[in-house]
């Protein structure tokens, strides 16, 4: 696998571990840099405000909500190969399971600091020169219709199709929804997978009806 120059140039100097393993992230999307950028941009948009959300949940003594936020961030960080951030989210999730004995404030601060490193690297990658050699096409409406039809009738070939289009589905759904879709497909829960695709379509239609929001 050849790593794009724009990604290689962002590799930190020796002694400074990267927040994101860009080579692994690029491998995950089959070398499609444009697709990787869309995935990272969606991640940044979805999780930029994680720390305030966690603080608000903890201030309201809503431990279950705080745990869900940490859990979903853990999965999303794994999808973009942000290993240290995934570890911080896991540590917080486990601490919250301890109930009243847990003191999560320091863990939230550590998570927020690592998230800041991830977002900084995403911004740096966004500013890098664009690579126009990508060949993978985004998933089409026709392909989504085909997948939905297979899920609807319980076609056993649907998981193979999800694996084939995994990178493009990741760009369309984002890390969190893709993680949920992978779990549903792994359990052959085609009804849940179909509902997830329907939810994504409804969300896009809502955004189109409310431009600028």
Protein backbone atom coordinates (compact mmCIF):
# COMPACT_ATOMS: atom_id res chain seq x y z
CA UNK A 1 0.00 0.00 0.00
CA UNK A 2 1.42 3.37 -1.01
CA UNK A 3 0.65 6.19 1.42
CA UNK A 4 -0.24 9.50 -0.20
CA UNK A 5 2.40 12.24 0.21
CA UNK A 6 -0.10 14.55 1.93
CA UNK A 7 -0.68 11.93 4.61
CA UNK A 8 3.00 11.02 4.95
CA UNK A 9 3.96 14.68 5.39
CA UNK A 10 1.68 14.92 8.44
CA UNK A 11 3.41 12.09 10.28
CA UNK A 12 4.77 13.61 13.52
CA UNK A 13 8.49 13.80 14.19
CA UNK A 14 10.09 10.94 16.13
CA UNK A 15 9.03 10.95 19.77
CA UNK A 16 5.61 12.48 19.09
CA UNK A 17 3.05 9.73 18.56
CA UNK A 18 0.34 10.62 16.03
CA UNK A 19 -3.22 11.06 17.24
CA UNK A 20 -4.47 9.26 14.12
CA UNK A 21 -2.76 6.43 12.26
CA UNK A 22 -3.32 8.01 8.85
CA UNK A 23 -1.82 5.10 6.92
CA UNK A 24 -4.16 2.64 8.64
CA UNK A 25 -7.12 4.98 8.18
CA UNK A 26 -6.30 5.31 4.49
CA UNK A 27 -6.00 1.54 4.21
CA UNK A 28 -9.44 1.19 5.82
CA UNK A 29 -10.99 3.19 2.96
CA UNK A 30 -8.96 1.38 0.29
CA UNK A 31 -6.63 4.31 -0.40
CA UNK A 32 -9.37 6.79 -1.26
CA UNK A 33 -8.14 10.07 0.26
CA UNK A 34 -11.28 12.03 -0.61
CA UNK A 35 -13.37 9.40 1.12
CA UNK A 36 -11.10 9.51 4.17
CA UNK A 37 -11.48 13.28 4.35
CA UNK A 38 -15.27 13.01 4.32
CA UNK A 39 -15.14 10.43 7.12
CA UNK A 40 -12.80 12.58 9.21
CA UNK A 41 -14.88 15.71 8.60
CA UNK A 42 -18.00 13.89 9.74
CA UNK A 43 -16.17 12.65 12.83
CA UNK A 44 -15.02 16.18 13.68
CA UNK A 45 -18.54 17.53 13.27
CA UNK A 46 -20.13 14.80 15.38
CA UNK A 47 -17.65 14.74 18.26
CA UNK A 48 -16.13 18.21 18.55
CA UNK A 49 -18.38 19.02 21.51
CA UNK A 50 -17.95 15.73 23.39
CA UNK A 51 -16.35 17.26 26.50
CA UNK A 52 -19.16 19.81 27.13
CA UNK A 53 -21.72 17.05 26.60
CA UNK A 54 -19.94 14.82 29.09
CA UNK A 55 -19.64 17.62 31.65
CA UNK A 56 -23.34 18.41 31.25
CA UNK A 57 -24.33 14.77 31.68
CA UNK A 58 -22.14 14.40 34.78
CA UNK A 59 -23.42 17.67 36.27
CA UNK A 60 -26.95 16.33 35.85
CA UNK A 61 -25.85 13.02 37.46
CA UNK A 62 -26.89 11.24 34.25
CA UNK A 63 -24.19 8.57 34.38
CA UNK A 64 -25.97 6.41 31.79
CA UNK A 65 -25.85 9.23 29.24
CA UNK A 66 -22.19 9.96 29.96
CA UNK A 67 -21.40 6.29 29.52
CA UNK A 68 -23.22 6.18 26.17
CA UNK A 69 -21.29 9.23 24.95
CA UNK A 70 -17.99 7.62 25.92
CA UNK A 71 -19.02 4.32 24.33
CA UNK A 72 -20.00 5.84 20.98
CA UNK A 73 -16.85 7.97 20.90
CA UNK A 74 -14.79 4.84 21.57
CA UNK A 75 -16.30 3.13 18.53
CA UNK A 76 -15.98 6.18 16.29
CA UNK A 77 -12.34 6.72 17.30
CA UNK A 78 -11.62 3.12 16.39
CA UNK A 79 -13.18 3.62 12.96
CA UNK A 80 -10.74 6.44 12.16
CA UNK A 81 -7.76 4.68 13.80
CA UNK A 82 -7.36 7.23 16.60
CA UNK A 83 -5.95 4.67 19.02
CA UNK A 84 -5.11 6.88 21.99
CA UNK A 85 -8.49 8.62 21.86
CA UNK A 86 -10.21 5.24 21.75
CA UNK A 87 -8.24 4.22 24.84
CA UNK A 88 -9.19 7.41 26.72
CA UNK A 89 -12.86 6.83 25.88
CA UNK A 90 -12.62 3.22 27.01
CA UNK A 91 -11.03 4.25 30.31
CA UNK A 92 -13.81 6.74 30.93
CA UNK A 93 -16.52 4.24 30.00
CA UNK A 94 -15.08 1.66 32.42
CA UNK A 95 -14.71 4.24 35.20
CA UNK A 96 -18.34 5.28 34.81
CA UNK A 97 -19.38 1.67 35.27
CA UNK A 98 -17.88 1.79 38.76
CA UNK A 99 -20.73 4.07 39.81
CA UNK A 100 -20.33 6.38 42.81
CA UNK A 101 -16.71 5.30 43.37
CA UNK A 102 -15.65 6.74 40.02
CA UNK A 103 -14.01 10.18 39.74
CA UNK A 104 -14.26 10.83 36.02
CA UNK A 105 -13.29 14.53 35.88
CA UNK A 106 -9.60 13.81 35.23
CA UNK A 107 -10.51 11.19 32.64
CA UNK A 108 -12.78 13.64 30.82
CA UNK A 109 -9.94 16.18 30.78
CA UNK A 110 -7.54 13.59 29.35
CA UNK A 111 -10.10 12.59 26.75
CA UNK A 112 -10.68 16.21 25.77
CA UNK A 113 -6.94 16.83 25.40
CA UNK A 114 -6.54 13.79 23.13
CA UNK A 115 -9.61 14.76 21.13
CA UNK A 116 -8.05 18.19 20.58
CA UNK A 117 -4.98 16.46 19.11
CA UNK A 118 -7.17 14.41 16.79
CA UNK A 119 -9.09 17.48 15.59
CA UNK A 120 -5.85 19.38 15.03
CA UNK A 121 -4.55 16.60 12.79
CA UNK A 122 -7.85 16.49 10.91
CA UNK A 123 -7.57 20.23 10.28
CA UNK A 124 -3.96 19.83 9.13
CA UNK A 125 -4.92 17.06 6.74
CA UNK A 126 -7.77 19.20 5.38
CA UNK A 127 -5.27 21.96 4.58
CA UNK A 128 -2.91 19.59 2.74
CA UNK A 129 -2.87 19.58 -1.10
CA UNK A 130 -5.66 17.47 -2.52
CA UNK A 131 -4.81 14.19 -4.22
CA UNK A 132 -6.82 13.72 -7.41
CA UNK A 133 -5.79 10.12 -8.09
CA UNK A 134 -8.66 8.56 -6.14
CA UNK A 135 -10.63 6.04 -8.18
CA UNK A 136 -13.32 4.85 -5.77
CA UNK A 137 -16.74 6.31 -6.55
CA UNK A 138 -19.16 7.30 -3.78
CA UNK A 139 -22.02 4.91 -3.19
CA UNK A 140 -24.93 5.62 -5.50
CA UNK A 141 -28.65 5.83 -4.83
CA UNK A 142 -29.12 2.73 -7.00
CA UNK A 143 -26.61 0.78 -4.92
CA UNK A 144 -28.34 1.82 -1.70
CA UNK A 145 -31.68 0.74 -3.17
CA UNK A 146 -30.16 -2.63 -4.05
CA UNK A 147 -28.79 -3.09 -0.54
CA UNK A 148 -32.07 -2.04 1.05
CA UNK A 149 -34.00 -4.49 -1.14
CA UNK A 150 -31.69 -7.35 -0.12
CA UNK A 151 -32.00 -6.46 3.55
CA UNK A 152 -35.77 -6.20 3.23
CA UNK A 153 -36.12 -9.79 1.95
CA UNK A 154 -33.41 -11.17 4.25
CA UNK A 155 -31.05 -12.05 1.42
CA UNK A 156 -28.02 -13.83 2.89
CA UNK A 157 -25.74 -12.11 0.38
CA UNK A 158 -26.34 -8.70 1.98
CA UNK A 159 -23.33 -8.97 4.37
CA UNK A 160 -21.03 -9.58 1.40
CA UNK A 161 -22.40 -6.46 -0.27
CA UNK A 162 -21.83 -4.41 2.89
CA UNK A 163 -18.23 -5.61 3.02
CA UNK A 164 -17.76 -4.76 -0.67
CA UNK A 165 -19.12 -1.22 -0.22
CA UNK A 166 -17.86 -0.74 3.34
CA UNK A 167 -15.65 2.28 2.63
CA UNK A 168 -18.37 4.09 0.69
CA UNK A 169 -21.01 3.29 3.28
CA UNK A 170 -18.68 4.63 5.96
CA UNK A 171 -18.50 7.96 4.13
CA UNK A 172 -22.28 8.09 3.76
CA UNK A 173 -23.19 7.03 7.30
CA UNK A 174 -20.28 8.30 9.39
CA UNK A 175 -18.27 6.29 11.94
CA UNK A 176 -21.00 5.94 14.58
CA UNK A 177 -23.77 4.73 12.27
CA UNK A 178 -21.34 2.51 10.34
CA UNK A 179 -20.31 0.87 13.60
CA UNK A 180 -23.98 0.20 14.39
CA UNK A 181 -24.57 -1.14 10.88
CA UNK A 182 -21.57 -3.48 11.17
CA UNK A 183 -22.91 -4.85 14.46
CA UNK A 184 -26.38 -5.40 12.98
CA UNK A 185 -24.98 -7.13 9.89
CA UNK A 186 -22.72 -9.27 12.07
CA UNK A 187 -25.78 -10.49 13.98
CA UNK A 188 -27.75 -10.90 10.71
CA UNK A 189 -30.18 -8.36 12.15
CA UNK A 190 -31.24 -7.16 8.72
CA UNK A 191 -34.32 -5.37 10.08
CA UNK A 192 -32.14 -3.12 12.25
CA UNK A 193 -29.70 -2.54 9.39
CA UNK A 194 -32.54 -1.53 7.09
CA UNK A 195 -33.95 0.83 9.71
CA UNK A 196 -30.53 2.46 10.00
CA UNK A 197 -30.38 3.14 6.26
CA UNK A 198 -33.93 4.52 6.36
CA UNK A 199 -32.95 6.77 9.27
CA UNK A 200 -30.00 8.12 7.29
CA UNK A 201 -32.21 8.85 4.28
CA UNK A 202 -34.79 10.64 6.43
CA UNK A 203 -32.02 12.70 8.04
CA UNK A 204 -30.69 13.79 4.64
CA UNK A 205 -34.18 14.72 3.44
CA UNK A 206 -34.70 16.79 6.58
CA UNK A 207 -31.40 18.64 5.98
CA UNK A 208 -32.42 19.38 2.39
CA UNK A 209 -35.74 20.83 3.59
CA UNK A 210 -33.99 23.07 6.12
CA UNK A 211 -30.99 24.60 4.34
CA UNK A 212 -28.59 26.63 6.45
CA UNK A 213 -29.54 24.90 9.70
